[in-house]
Protein backbone atom coordinates (compact mmCIF):
# COMPACT_ATOMS: atom_id res chain seq x y z
CA MET A 1 -79.21 64.72 -66.79
CA ASN A 2 -81.08 67.50 -68.81
CA PRO A 3 -84.39 66.24 -69.46
CA ASP A 4 -84.58 67.58 -73.00
CA ARG A 5 -81.73 65.54 -74.07
CA PRO A 6 -82.45 62.04 -72.56
CA GLY A 7 -79.20 59.67 -72.41
CA GLU A 8 -76.90 62.64 -72.01
CA GLY A 9 -74.38 62.02 -69.40
CA ARG A 10 -75.50 58.72 -68.87
CA PHE A 11 -72.30 57.25 -69.58
CA ASP A 12 -68.98 59.25 -69.25
CA PHE A 13 -65.40 59.19 -71.04
CA GLY A 14 -63.46 55.71 -70.54
CA GLU A 15 -66.41 53.97 -69.30
CA GLU A 16 -67.02 50.09 -70.46
CA VAL A 17 -70.22 49.89 -71.97
CA ARG A 18 -71.66 47.06 -73.49
CA VAL A 19 -73.68 46.75 -76.88
CA THR A 20 -77.13 45.33 -76.11
CA ARG A 21 -78.10 44.64 -80.09
CA ASN A 22 -76.51 44.08 -83.16
CA VAL A 23 -74.82 47.10 -84.90
CA ARG A 24 -75.05 47.19 -88.73
CA ASN A 25 -73.85 49.57 -91.32
CA ASP A 26 -76.47 52.27 -91.66
CA GLY A 27 -74.57 53.39 -94.47
CA THR A 28 -72.21 56.09 -92.23
CA TYR A 29 -69.63 53.55 -91.42
CA PRO A 30 -66.70 53.79 -94.42
CA GLY A 31 -65.51 50.91 -96.43
CA MET A 32 -68.73 48.21 -95.78
CA GLU A 33 -71.86 47.46 -97.11
CA ILE A 34 -74.88 49.19 -95.88
CA GLY A 35 -76.43 46.17 -93.70
CA ASP A 36 -72.95 44.63 -93.21
CA LEU A 37 -72.50 43.60 -89.34
CA LEU A 38 -70.33 45.62 -87.31
CA ILE A 39 -70.44 44.93 -83.86
CA ARG A 40 -72.28 41.66 -82.25
CA ARG A 41 -74.49 42.19 -79.20
CA GLY A 42 -72.52 41.80 -75.91
CA SER A 43 -69.20 43.24 -77.05
CA VAL A 44 -67.85 45.40 -74.73
CA GLY A 45 -66.27 48.95 -75.79
CA ASN A 46 -65.21 51.72 -74.23
CA VAL A 47 -66.93 55.44 -74.39
CA VAL A 48 -64.88 57.60 -76.59
CA GLU A 49 -67.04 60.45 -77.24
CA MET A 50 -70.92 61.61 -76.81
CA GLY A 51 -72.55 63.79 -79.50
CA THR A 52 -75.76 64.34 -81.04
CA PHE A 53 -77.64 63.03 -84.48
CA LEU A 54 -80.66 65.11 -86.53
CA GLN A 55 -80.15 67.53 -83.08
CA ASP A 56 -82.44 64.96 -80.93
CA GLN A 57 -80.62 61.63 -80.86
CA VAL A 58 -77.84 60.92 -78.07
CA ILE A 59 -75.04 59.06 -79.80
CA PHE A 60 -72.13 57.43 -77.94
CA THR A 61 -68.93 56.58 -80.19
CA VAL A 62 -67.74 53.37 -78.76
CA HIS A 63 -64.29 51.78 -78.96
CA PHE A 64 -64.51 48.08 -79.74
CA ILE A 65 -60.79 47.64 -79.25
CA LYS A 66 -60.58 44.10 -79.91
CA HIS A 67 -62.70 44.47 -83.29
CA GLY A 68 -60.51 47.58 -83.84
CA ARG A 69 -63.97 49.84 -84.74
CA MET A 70 -65.08 52.96 -83.21
CA VAL A 71 -69.43 52.83 -83.98
CA GLY A 72 -71.78 55.20 -83.03
CA CYS A 73 -74.36 53.65 -80.67
CA ARG A 74 -77.76 55.08 -78.95
CA VAL A 75 -77.82 54.94 -75.34
CA GLU A 76 -80.81 52.60 -75.71
CA GLU A 77 -78.44 49.87 -77.16
CA LEU A 78 -75.79 50.63 -74.14
CA ILE A 79 -75.41 49.07 -70.62
CA PRO A 80 -72.74 49.71 -68.44
CA ALA A 81 -70.23 46.70 -69.04
CA ASP A 82 -70.56 44.85 -65.61
CA ALA A 83 -74.12 44.85 -65.60
CA PRO A 84 -75.73 41.39 -65.71
CA TRP A 85 -75.88 40.21 -69.27
CA ASN A 86 -78.27 37.38 -70.01
CA PRO A 87 -77.68 37.28 -73.93
CA SER A 88 -81.02 37.12 -76.05
CA PHE A 89 -81.99 35.79 -79.42
CA PHE A 90 -83.86 39.15 -80.07
CA GLU A 91 -82.77 42.58 -79.37
CA PHE A 92 -84.47 46.08 -79.01
CA ARG A 93 -86.48 46.89 -82.47
CA ASP A 94 -86.42 43.48 -83.87
CA LYS A 95 -89.62 42.47 -85.93
CA VAL A 96 -91.10 39.31 -84.31
CA VAL A 97 -94.01 37.06 -85.06
CA ALA A 98 -96.41 35.24 -82.48
CA LYS A 99 -95.60 31.64 -82.60
CA LEU A 100 -98.33 31.11 -80.63
CA ASN A 101 -101.95 32.80 -79.88
CA LEU A 102 -101.08 34.79 -77.27
CA SER A 103 -103.85 35.34 -74.43
CA ILE A 104 -104.86 37.06 -71.12
CA LYS A 105 -107.23 35.40 -68.89
CA GLY A 106 -108.44 32.96 -71.83
CA GLU A 107 -108.91 35.84 -74.19
CA ILE A 108 -106.30 35.45 -77.40
CA ARG A 109 -105.08 38.85 -77.65
CA VAL A 110 -102.31 38.13 -80.32
CA PRO A 111 -103.59 35.42 -82.57
CA ILE A 112 -100.46 33.26 -84.02
CA GLY A 113 -98.51 34.79 -86.82
CA THR A 114 -99.33 38.61 -86.09
CA GLU A 115 -96.26 40.94 -86.76
CA GLY A 116 -94.75 42.97 -83.55
CA GLU A 117 -91.59 44.70 -82.75
CA ILE A 118 -89.44 44.24 -79.75
CA GLU A 119 -89.66 47.44 -77.23
CA LYS A 120 -87.40 46.07 -74.54
CA VAL A 121 -85.57 42.92 -73.37
CA LEU A 122 -85.90 41.66 -69.63
CA ARG A 123 -82.57 39.92 -69.68
CA GLU A 124 -82.63 39.61 -66.05
CA THR A 125 -85.51 37.00 -65.94
CA HIS A 126 -85.18 33.06 -66.95
CA PRO A 127 -85.98 32.50 -69.57
CA VAL A 128 -85.45 35.64 -71.29
CA MET A 129 -88.99 37.79 -71.71
CA TYR A 130 -89.81 40.55 -73.84
CA HIS A 131 -92.08 43.26 -73.96
CA ALA A 132 -93.28 42.99 -77.10
CA ARG A 133 -95.82 45.72 -79.10
CA PHE A 134 -98.46 43.93 -81.26
CA PRO A 135 -101.28 46.04 -83.11
CA GLY A 136 -103.21 47.69 -80.27
CA ILE A 137 -101.31 45.64 -77.39
CA THR A 138 -97.94 45.55 -75.77
CA LEU A 139 -97.07 42.18 -73.89
CA GLN A 140 -94.79 40.62 -71.85
CA VAL A 141 -93.59 37.49 -73.72
CA PRO A 142 -91.13 34.71 -73.07
CA GLU A 143 -88.30 33.75 -76.21
CA ALA A 144 -90.00 30.80 -76.96
CA SER A 145 -93.17 32.32 -77.73
CA LEU A 146 -91.78 34.32 -80.48
CA ALA A 147 -90.20 34.09 -83.95
CA PRO A 148 -88.22 36.62 -86.31
CA ARG A 149 -90.52 38.26 -88.88
CA ASP A 150 -89.12 36.73 -91.80
CA SER A 151 -88.63 33.18 -90.62
CA ASP A 152 -91.38 30.64 -92.10
CA PHE A 153 -92.00 29.16 -88.32
CA ASN A 154 -95.23 27.04 -89.40
CA SER A 155 -92.97 25.11 -92.34
CA ALA A 156 -92.09 21.41 -91.64
């Protein structure tokens, strides 16, 4: 693997891969509106090409045969199809808020309602856990402690 191009060579032509997050149209997929769902997380396809975007992002073109679509995916959005898959509510780069005060050794480090972003999904844990980045700190957080950023989790 070339250290200047992370992800290059990670997947081979024809290899079955699973997409780990919902893929939406960023304006590069013809015939659909920006933001439309192209491929749902967990879907399996085959790598047909590897290229770059803006000279520094490795993009794998994946053919999702069941959906009749070929979609460009970043390396961090893909895992081998036979890798363990534990579905999760949140995915890499999703915006979240803390549903609870998050503390370390009794000290509140992230107050309830603080916005953050998912940096990593830990699917091998039960329940699913996340590395969530909040202002000034990254914590490992269980799914039940997070809500989507745009939700109103305090109402009811």
